[in-house]
Amino acid sequence: APPAQDIEGLREALVEMLANNADLENLDARLAAM
C-alpha cells in the first residue's frame, strides 16, 4: 500500500482494486485496510 500521505498513490491503488473486483463486499482485506 502507498504511504498514508501519498493521497494520489492511494487513489491509483483504489482504481486498480475497484476495476479488478466485481463486488466490493467480497474483496479481500487490502481495500478495507486502505
PDB file of all heavy atoms in Angstrom:
ATOM      1  N   ALA A   1       0.826  -1.195   0.000  1.00  0.00           N
ATOM      2  CA  ALA A   1       0.000   0.000   0.000  1.00  0.00           C
ATOM      3  C   ALA A   1       0.868   1.255   0.000  1.00  0.00           C
ATOM      4  O   ALA A   1       1.925   1.290   0.630  1.00  0.00           O
ATOM      5  CB  ALA A   1      -0.906   0.004   1.229  1.00  0.00           C
ATOM      6  N   PRO A   2       0.453   2.310  -0.706  1.00  0.00           N
ATOM      7  CA  PRO A   2       1.204   3.564  -0.700  1.00  0.00           C
ATOM      8  C   PRO A   2       1.205   4.186   0.693  1.00  0.00           C
ATOM      9  O   PRO A   2       0.345   3.883   1.521  1.00  0.00           O
ATOM     10  CB  PRO A   2       0.444   4.448  -1.698  1.00  0.00           C
ATOM     11  CG  PRO A   2      -0.388   3.491  -2.511  1.00  0.00           C
ATOM     12  CD  PRO A   2      -0.706   2.372  -1.585  1.00  0.00           C
ATOM     13  N   PRO A   3       2.141   5.094   0.985  1.00  0.00           N
ATOM     14  CA  PRO A   3       2.135   5.778   2.284  1.00  0.00           C
ATOM     15  C   PRO A   3       0.845   6.572   2.487  1.00  0.00           C
ATOM     16  O   PRO A   3       0.193   7.001   1.526  1.00  0.00           O
ATOM     17  CB  PRO A   3       3.352   6.709   2.198  1.00  0.00           C
ATOM     18  CG  PRO A   3       4.211   6.122   1.122  1.00  0.00           C
ATOM     19  CD  PRO A   3       3.279   5.473   0.153  1.00  0.00           C
ATOM     20  N   ALA A   4       0.467   6.780   3.747  1.00  0.00           N
ATOM     21  CA  ALA A   4      -0.786   7.475   4.045  1.00  0.00           C
ATOM     22  C   ALA A   4      -0.794   8.888   3.484  1.00  0.00           C
ATOM     23  O   ALA A   4      -1.849   9.422   3.134  1.00  0.00           O
ATOM     24  CB  ALA A   4      -1.018   7.490   5.557  1.00  0.00           C
ATOM     25  N   GLN A   5       0.377   9.540   3.421  1.00  0.00           N
ATOM     26  CA  GLN A   5       0.432  10.921   2.944  1.00  0.00           C
ATOM     27  C   GLN A   5       0.321  11.008   1.416  1.00  0.00           C
ATOM     28  O   GLN A   5       0.044  12.072   0.868  1.00  0.00           O
ATOM     29  CB  GLN A   5       1.748  11.586   3.393  1.00  0.00           C
ATOM     30  CG  GLN A   5       1.876  11.754   4.902  1.00  0.00           C
ATOM     31  CD  GLN A   5       2.198  10.458   5.620  1.00  0.00           C
ATOM     32  OE1 GLN A   5       2.609   9.486   4.981  1.00  0.00           O
ATOM     33  NE2 GLN A   5       1.989  10.425   6.933  1.00  0.00           N
ATOM     34  N   ASP A   6       0.560   9.903   0.729  1.00  0.00           N
ATOM     35  CA  ASP A   6       0.524   9.895  -0.737  1.00  0.00           C
ATOM     36  C   ASP A   6      -0.905   9.645  -1.200  1.00  0.00           C
ATOM     37  O   ASP A   6      -1.270   8.536  -1.601  1.00  0.00           O
ATOM     38  CB  ASP A   6       1.477   8.820  -1.270  1.00  0.00           C
ATOM     39  CG  ASP A   6       1.557   8.816  -2.800  1.00  0.00           C
ATOM     40  OD1 ASP A   6       1.003   9.756  -3.425  1.00  0.00           O
ATOM     41  OD2 ASP A   6       2.151   7.876  -3.362  1.00  0.00           O
ATOM     42  N   ILE A   7      -1.773  10.680  -1.149  1.00  0.00           N
ATOM     43  CA  ILE A   7      -3.174  10.504  -1.492  1.00  0.00           C
ATOM     44  C   ILE A   7      -3.343  10.166  -2.962  1.00  0.00           C
ATOM     45  O   ILE A   7      -4.243   9.400  -3.335  1.00  0.00           O
ATOM     46  CB  ILE A   7      -3.986  11.769  -1.115  1.00  0.00           C
ATOM     47  CG1 ILE A   7      -5.487  11.512  -1.278  1.00  0.00           C
ATOM     48  CG2 ILE A   7      -3.524  12.960  -1.925  1.00  0.00           C
ATOM     49  CD1 ILE A   7      -6.034  10.450  -0.381  1.00  0.00           C
ATOM     50  N   GLU A   8      -2.470  10.698  -3.827  1.00  0.00           N
ATOM     51  CA  GLU A   8      -2.557  10.378  -5.251  1.00  0.00           C
ATOM     52  C   GLU A   8      -2.240   8.910  -5.486  1.00  0.00           C
ATOM     53  O   GLU A   8      -2.903   8.223  -6.273  1.00  0.00           O
ATOM     54  CB  GLU A   8      -1.596  11.257  -6.052  1.00  0.00           C
ATOM     55  CG  GLU A   8      -1.692  11.081  -7.561  1.00  0.00           C
ATOM     56  CD  GLU A   8      -3.063  11.424  -8.116  1.00  0.00           C
ATOM     57  OE1 GLU A   8      -3.731  12.311  -7.534  1.00  0.00           O
ATOM     58  OE2 GLU A   8      -3.478  10.791  -9.114  1.00  0.00           O
ATOM     59  N   GLY A   9      -1.249   8.388  -4.771  1.00  0.00           N
ATOM     60  CA  GLY A   9      -0.927   6.972  -4.888  1.00  0.00           C
ATOM     61  C   GLY A   9      -2.054   6.094  -4.369  1.00  0.00           C
ATOM     62  O   GLY A   9      -2.338   5.026  -4.926  1.00  0.00           O
ATOM     63  N   LEU A  10      -2.717   6.545  -3.309  1.00  0.00           N
ATOM     64  CA  LEU A  10      -3.851   5.792  -2.781  1.00  0.00           C
ATOM     65  C   LEU A  10      -5.003   5.764  -3.779  1.00  0.00           C
ATOM     66  O   LEU A  10      -5.680   4.746  -3.930  1.00  0.00           O
ATOM     67  CB  LEU A  10      -4.307   6.415  -1.453  1.00  0.00           C
ATOM     68  CG  LEU A  10      -3.361   6.233  -0.263  1.00  0.00           C
ATOM     69  CD1 LEU A  10      -3.850   7.046   0.933  1.00  0.00           C
ATOM     70  CD2 LEU A  10      -3.252   4.764   0.116  1.00  0.00           C
ATOM     71  N   ARG A  11      -5.218   6.895  -4.469  1.00  0.00           N
ATOM     72  CA  ARG A  11      -6.275   6.916  -5.483  1.00  0.00           C
ATOM     73  C   ARG A  11      -5.979   5.916  -6.600  1.00  0.00           C
ATOM     74  O   ARG A  11      -6.872   5.202  -7.062  1.00  0.00           O
ATOM     75  CB  ARG A  11      -6.408   8.324  -6.078  1.00  0.00           C
ATOM     76  CG  ARG A  11      -7.004   9.362  -5.131  1.00  0.00           C
ATOM     77  CD  ARG A  11      -7.499  10.550  -5.939  1.00  0.00           C
ATOM     78  NE  ARG A  11      -7.636  11.736  -5.117  1.00  0.00           N
ATOM     79  CZ  ARG A  11      -6.812  12.773  -5.119  1.00  0.00           C
ATOM     80  NH1 ARG A  11      -5.761  12.767  -5.931  1.00  0.00           N
ATOM     81  NH2 ARG A  11      -7.018  13.820  -4.349  1.00  0.00           N
ATOM     82  N   GLU A  12      -4.720   5.896  -7.070  1.00  0.00           N
ATOM     83  CA  GLU A  12      -4.354   4.964  -8.137  1.00  0.00           C
ATOM     84  C   GLU A  12      -4.559   3.515  -7.690  1.00  0.00           C
ATOM     85  O   GLU A  12      -5.070   2.671  -8.445  1.00  0.00           O
ATOM     86  CB  GLU A  12      -2.894   5.187  -8.537  1.00  0.00           C
ATOM     87  CG  GLU A  12      -2.623   6.521  -9.219  1.00  0.00           C
ATOM     88  CD  GLU A  12      -3.258   6.597 -10.606  1.00  0.00           C
ATOM     89  OE1 GLU A  12      -3.656   5.540 -11.139  1.00  0.00           O
ATOM     90  OE2 GLU A  12      -3.377   7.705 -11.150  1.00  0.00           O
ATOM     91  N   ALA A  13      -4.182   3.223  -6.443  1.00  0.00           N
ATOM     92  CA  ALA A  13      -4.359   1.865  -5.929  1.00  0.00           C
ATOM     93  C   ALA A  13      -5.838   1.515  -5.818  1.00  0.00           C
ATOM     94  O   ALA A  13      -6.247   0.376  -6.080  1.00  0.00           O
ATOM     95  CB  ALA A  13      -3.664   1.728  -4.572  1.00  0.00           C
ATOM     96  N   LEU A  14      -6.653   2.484  -5.430  1.00  0.00           N
ATOM     97  CA  LEU A  14      -8.088   2.247  -5.334  1.00  0.00           C
ATOM     98  C   LEU A  14      -8.683   1.938  -6.699  1.00  0.00           C
ATOM     99  O   LEU A  14      -9.507   1.023  -6.846  1.00  0.00           O
ATOM    100  CB  LEU A  14      -8.786   3.466  -4.715  1.00  0.00           C
ATOM    101  CG  LEU A  14      -8.705   3.626  -3.197  1.00  0.00           C
ATOM    102  CD1 LEU A  14      -9.299   4.957  -2.780  1.00  0.00           C
ATOM    103  CD2 LEU A  14      -9.441   2.486  -2.507  1.00  0.00           C
ATOM    104  N   VAL A  15      -8.300   2.712  -7.713  1.00  0.00           N
ATOM    105  CA  VAL A  15      -8.813   2.475  -9.057  1.00  0.00           C
ATOM    106  C   VAL A  15      -8.460   1.072  -9.512  1.00  0.00           C
ATOM    107  O   VAL A  15      -9.294   0.347 -10.090  1.00  0.00           O
ATOM    108  CB  VAL A  15      -8.260   3.522 -10.038  1.00  0.00           C
ATOM    109  CG1 VAL A  15      -8.593   3.140 -11.477  1.00  0.00           C
ATOM    110  CG2 VAL A  15      -8.825   4.895  -9.726  1.00  0.00           C
ATOM    111  N   GLU A  16      -7.250   0.646  -9.249  1.00  0.00           N
ATOM    112  CA  GLU A  16      -6.808  -0.680  -9.669  1.00  0.00           C
ATOM    113  C   GLU A  16      -7.645  -1.773  -8.985  1.00  0.00           C
ATOM    114  O   GLU A  16      -8.099  -2.732  -9.626  1.00  0.00           O
ATOM    115  CB  GLU A  16      -5.324  -0.873  -9.335  1.00  0.00           C
ATOM    116  CG  GLU A  16      -4.789  -2.243  -9.737  1.00  0.00           C
ATOM    117  CD  GLU A  16      -3.327  -2.411  -9.344  1.00  0.00           C
ATOM    118  OE1 GLU A  16      -2.716  -1.425  -8.878  1.00  0.00           O
ATOM    119  OE2 GLU A  16      -2.817  -3.536  -9.496  1.00  0.00           O
ATOM    120  N   MET A  17      -7.849  -1.623  -7.677  1.00  0.00           N
ATOM    121  CA  MET A  17      -8.620  -2.641  -6.958  1.00  0.00           C
ATOM    122  C   MET A  17     -10.092  -2.629  -7.359  1.00  0.00           C
ATOM    123  O   MET A  17     -10.715  -3.672  -7.503  1.00  0.00           O
ATOM    124  CB  MET A  17      -8.476  -2.416  -5.444  1.00  0.00           C
ATOM    125  CG  MET A  17      -7.160  -2.900  -4.881  1.00  0.00           C
ATOM    126  SD  MET A  17      -7.144  -2.897  -3.075  1.00  0.00           S
ATOM    127  CE  MET A  17      -7.023  -1.151  -2.762  1.00  0.00           C
ATOM    128  N   LEU A  18     -10.667  -1.439  -7.557  1.00  0.00           N
ATOM    129  CA  LEU A  18     -12.072  -1.349  -7.929  1.00  0.00           C
ATOM    130  C   LEU A  18     -12.320  -1.917  -9.318  1.00  0.00           C
ATOM    131  O   LEU A  18     -13.362  -2.530  -9.579  1.00  0.00           O
ATOM    132  CB  LEU A  18     -12.538   0.104  -7.870  1.00  0.00           C
ATOM    133  CG  LEU A  18     -12.584   0.753  -6.486  1.00  0.00           C
ATOM    134  CD1 LEU A  18     -12.897   2.238  -6.626  1.00  0.00           C
ATOM    135  CD2 LEU A  18     -13.617   0.081  -5.606  1.00  0.00           C
ATOM    136  N   ALA A  19     -11.385  -1.703 -10.230  1.00  0.00           N
ATOM    137  CA  ALA A  19     -11.569  -2.163 -11.601  1.00  0.00           C
ATOM    138  C   ALA A  19     -11.442  -3.675 -11.726  1.00  0.00           C
ATOM    139  O   ALA A  19     -12.024  -4.276 -12.632  1.00  0.00           O
ATOM    140  CB  ALA A  19     -10.557  -1.488 -12.522  1.00  0.00           C
ATOM    141  N   ASN A  20     -10.727  -4.291 -10.807  1.00  0.00           N
ATOM    142  CA  ASN A  20     -10.448  -5.722 -10.930  1.00  0.00           C
ATOM    143  C   ASN A  20     -11.301  -6.591 -10.023  1.00  0.00           C
ATOM    144  O   ASN A  20     -11.065  -7.790  -9.919  1.00  0.00           O
ATOM    145  CB  ASN A  20      -8.965  -5.989 -10.621  1.00  0.00           C
ATOM    146  CG  ASN A  20      -8.046  -5.319 -11.632  1.00  0.00           C
ATOM    147  OD1 ASN A  20      -8.417  -5.170 -12.791  1.00  0.00           O
ATOM    148  ND2 ASN A  20      -6.873  -4.919 -11.189  1.00  0.00           N
ATOM    149  N   ASN A  21     -12.286  -5.993  -9.356  1.00  0.00           N
ATOM    150  CA  ASN A  21     -13.129  -6.769  -8.453  1.00  0.00           C
ATOM    151  C   ASN A  21     -14.585  -6.464  -8.756  1.00  0.00           C
ATOM    152  O   ASN A  21     -14.999  -5.301  -8.765  1.00  0.00           O
ATOM    153  CB  ASN A  21     -12.823  -6.428  -6.989  1.00  0.00           C
ATOM    154  CG  ASN A  21     -11.459  -6.946  -6.559  1.00  0.00           C
ATOM    155  OD1 ASN A  21     -11.311  -8.072  -6.124  1.00  0.00           O
ATOM    156  ND2 ASN A  21     -10.437  -6.098  -6.707  1.00  0.00           N
ATOM    157  N   ALA A  22     -15.351  -7.490  -8.988  1.00  0.00           N
ATOM    158  CA  ALA A  22     -16.760  -7.313  -9.368  1.00  0.00           C
ATOM    159  C   ALA A  22     -17.618  -6.868  -8.199  1.00  0.00           C
ATOM    160  O   ALA A  22     -18.603  -6.172  -8.377  1.00  0.00           O
ATOM    161  CB  ALA A  22     -17.309  -8.618  -9.950  1.00  0.00           C
ATOM    162  N   ASP A  23     -17.269  -7.260  -6.987  1.00  0.00           N
ATOM    163  CA  ASP A  23     -18.118  -6.966  -5.827  1.00  0.00           C
ATOM    164  C   ASP A  23     -17.234  -6.569  -4.661  1.00  0.00           C
ATOM    165  O   ASP A  23     -16.413  -7.348  -4.191  1.00  0.00           O
ATOM    166  CB  ASP A  23     -18.957  -8.201  -5.465  1.00  0.00           C
ATOM    167  CG  ASP A  23     -20.037  -7.869  -4.444  1.00  0.00           C
ATOM    168  OD1 ASP A  23     -19.981  -6.757  -3.886  1.00  0.00           O
ATOM    169  OD2 ASP A  23     -20.912  -8.707  -4.226  1.00  0.00           O
ATOM    170  N   LEU A  24     -17.403  -5.353  -4.191  1.00  0.00           N
ATOM    171  CA  LEU A  24     -16.570  -4.882  -3.089  1.00  0.00           C
ATOM    172  C   LEU A  24     -16.789  -5.676  -1.817  1.00  0.00           C
ATOM    173  O   LEU A  24     -15.895  -5.796  -0.985  1.00  0.00           O
ATOM    174  CB  LEU A  24     -16.864  -3.396  -2.801  1.00  0.00           C
ATOM    175  CG  LEU A  24     -16.475  -2.402  -3.894  1.00  0.00           C
ATOM    176  CD1 LEU A  24     -16.687  -0.991  -3.389  1.00  0.00           C
ATOM    177  CD2 LEU A  24     -15.041  -2.578  -4.309  1.00  0.00           C
ATOM    178  N   GLU A  25     -18.004  -6.215  -1.624  1.00  0.00           N
ATOM    179  CA  GLU A  25     -18.293  -6.927  -0.399  1.00  0.00           C
ATOM    180  C   GLU A  25     -17.465  -8.201  -0.274  1.00  0.00           C
ATOM    181  O   GLU A  25     -17.234  -8.705   0.822  1.00  0.00           O
ATOM    182  CB  GLU A  25     -19.789  -7.252  -0.322  1.00  0.00           C
ATOM    183  CG  GLU A  25     -20.660  -6.002  -0.232  1.00  0.00           C
ATOM    184  CD  GLU A  25     -22.132  -6.351  -0.175  1.00  0.00           C
ATOM    185  OE1 GLU A  25     -22.452  -7.559  -0.266  1.00  0.00           O
ATOM    186  OE2 GLU A  25     -22.947  -5.430  -0.041  1.00  0.00           O
ATOM    187  N   ASN A  26     -17.013  -8.757  -1.406  1.00  0.00           N
ATOM    188  CA  ASN A  26     -16.209  -9.970  -1.385  1.00  0.00           C
ATOM    189  C   ASN A  26     -14.721  -9.665  -1.577  1.00  0.00           C
ATOM    190  O   ASN A  26     -13.932 -10.570  -1.828  1.00  0.00           O
ATOM    191  CB  ASN A  26     -16.684 -10.936  -2.481  1.00  0.00           C
ATOM    192  CG  ASN A  26     -18.120 -11.379  -2.249  1.00  0.00           C
ATOM    193  OD1 ASN A  26     -18.554 -11.516  -1.120  1.00  0.00           O
ATOM    194  ND2 ASN A  26     -18.857 -11.587  -3.342  1.00  0.00           N
ATOM    195  N   LEU A  27     -14.356  -8.398  -1.469  1.00  0.00           N
ATOM    196  CA  LEU A  27     -12.970  -8.004  -1.664  1.00  0.00           C
ATOM    197  C   LEU A  27     -12.137  -8.403  -0.448  1.00  0.00           C
ATOM    198  O   LEU A  27     -12.649  -8.463   0.670  1.00  0.00           O
ATOM    199  CB  LEU A  27     -12.893  -6.502  -1.889  1.00  0.00           C
ATOM    200  CG  LEU A  27     -11.610  -5.943  -2.508  1.00  0.00           C
ATOM    201  CD1 LEU A  27     -11.378  -6.582  -3.866  1.00  0.00           C
ATOM    202  CD2 LEU A  27     -11.720  -4.445  -2.660  1.00  0.00           C
ATOM    203  N   ASP A  28     -10.862  -8.645  -0.632  1.00  0.00           N
ATOM    204  CA  ASP A  28     -10.004  -9.049   0.484  1.00  0.00           C
ATOM    205  C   ASP A  28      -9.729  -7.863   1.400  1.00  0.00           C
ATOM    206  O   ASP A  28     -10.265  -6.771   1.227  1.00  0.00           O
ATOM    207  CB  ASP A  28      -8.702  -9.669  -0.035  1.00  0.00           C
ATOM    208  CG  ASP A  28      -7.914  -8.704  -0.922  1.00  0.00           C
ATOM    209  OD1 ASP A  28      -8.179  -7.486  -0.822  1.00  0.00           O
ATOM    210  OD2 ASP A  28      -7.061  -9.153  -1.694  1.00  0.00           O
ATOM    211  N   ALA A  29      -8.870  -8.092   2.406  1.00  0.00           N
ATOM    212  CA  ALA A  29      -8.652  -7.098   3.452  1.00  0.00           C
ATOM    213  C   ALA A  29      -7.888  -5.877   2.965  1.00  0.00           C
ATOM    214  O   ALA A  29      -7.854  -4.854   3.671  1.00  0.00           O
ATOM    215  CB  ALA A  29      -7.895  -7.740   4.622  1.00  0.00           C
ATOM    216  N   ARG A  30      -7.288  -5.923   1.789  1.00  0.00           N
ATOM    217  CA  ARG A  30      -6.443  -4.804   1.346  1.00  0.00           C
ATOM    218  C   ARG A  30      -7.240  -3.515   1.202  1.00  0.00           C
ATOM    219  O   ARG A  30      -6.799  -2.451   1.607  1.00  0.00           O
ATOM    220  CB  ARG A  30      -5.766  -5.158   0.017  1.00  0.00           C
ATOM    221  CG  ARG A  30      -4.681  -6.217   0.130  1.00  0.00           C
ATOM    222  CD  ARG A  30      -4.100  -6.573  -1.230  1.00  0.00           C
ATOM    223  NE  ARG A  30      -3.606  -5.390  -1.912  1.00  0.00           N
ATOM    224  CZ  ARG A  30      -3.923  -5.068  -3.160  1.00  0.00           C
ATOM    225  NH1 ARG A  30      -4.754  -5.840  -3.848  1.00  0.00           N
ATOM    226  NH2 ARG A  30      -3.419  -3.982  -3.721  1.00  0.00           N
ATOM    227  N   LEU A  31      -8.451  -3.597   0.590  1.00  0.00           N
ATOM    228  CA  LEU A  31      -9.248  -2.392   0.394  1.00  0.00           C
ATOM    229  C   LEU A  31      -9.712  -1.829   1.733  1.00  0.00           C
ATOM    230  O   LEU A  31      -9.647  -0.619   1.967  1.00  0.00           O
ATOM    231  CB  LEU A  31     -10.453  -2.689  -0.498  1.00  0.00           C
ATOM    232  CG  LEU A  31     -11.408  -1.505  -0.718  1.00  0.00           C
ATOM    233  CD1 LEU A  31     -10.684  -0.345  -1.377  1.00  0.00           C
ATOM    234  CD2 LEU A  31     -12.606  -1.926  -1.551  1.00  0.00           C
ATOM    235  N   ALA A  32     -10.176  -2.703   2.643  1.00  0.00           N
ATOM    236  CA  ALA A  32     -10.633  -2.231   3.945  1.00  0.00           C
ATOM    237  C   ALA A  32      -9.497  -1.560   4.706  1.00  0.00           C
ATOM    238  O   ALA A  32      -9.694  -0.528   5.362  1.00  0.00           O
ATOM    239  CB  ALA A  32     -11.206  -3.397   4.751  1.00  0.00           C
ATOM    240  N   ALA A  33      -8.300  -2.137   4.621  1.00  0.00           N
ATOM    241  CA  ALA A  33      -7.153  -1.542   5.293  1.00  0.00           C
ATOM    242  C   ALA A  33      -6.790  -0.201   4.669  1.00  0.00           C
ATOM    243  O   ALA A  33      -6.412   0.746   5.373  1.00  0.00           O
ATOM    244  CB  ALA A  33      -5.967  -2.500   5.230  1.00  0.00           C
ATOM    245  N   MET A  34      -6.923  -0.088   3.347  1.00  0.00           N
ATOM    246  CA  MET A  34      -6.615   1.181   2.692  1.00  0.00           C
ATOM    247  C   MET A  34      -7.632   2.253   3.056  1.00  0.00           C
ATOM    248  O   MET A  34      -7.282   3.413   3.271  1.00  0.00           O
ATOM    249  CB  MET A  34      -6.568   0.982   1.172  1.00  0.00           C
ATOM    250  CG  MET A  34      -6.088   2.206   0.413  1.00  0.00           C
ATOM    251  SD  MET A  34      -5.887   1.889  -1.355  1.00  0.00           S
ATOM    252  CE  MET A  34      -4.587   0.655  -1.326  1.00  0.00           C
TER     253      MET A  34
END
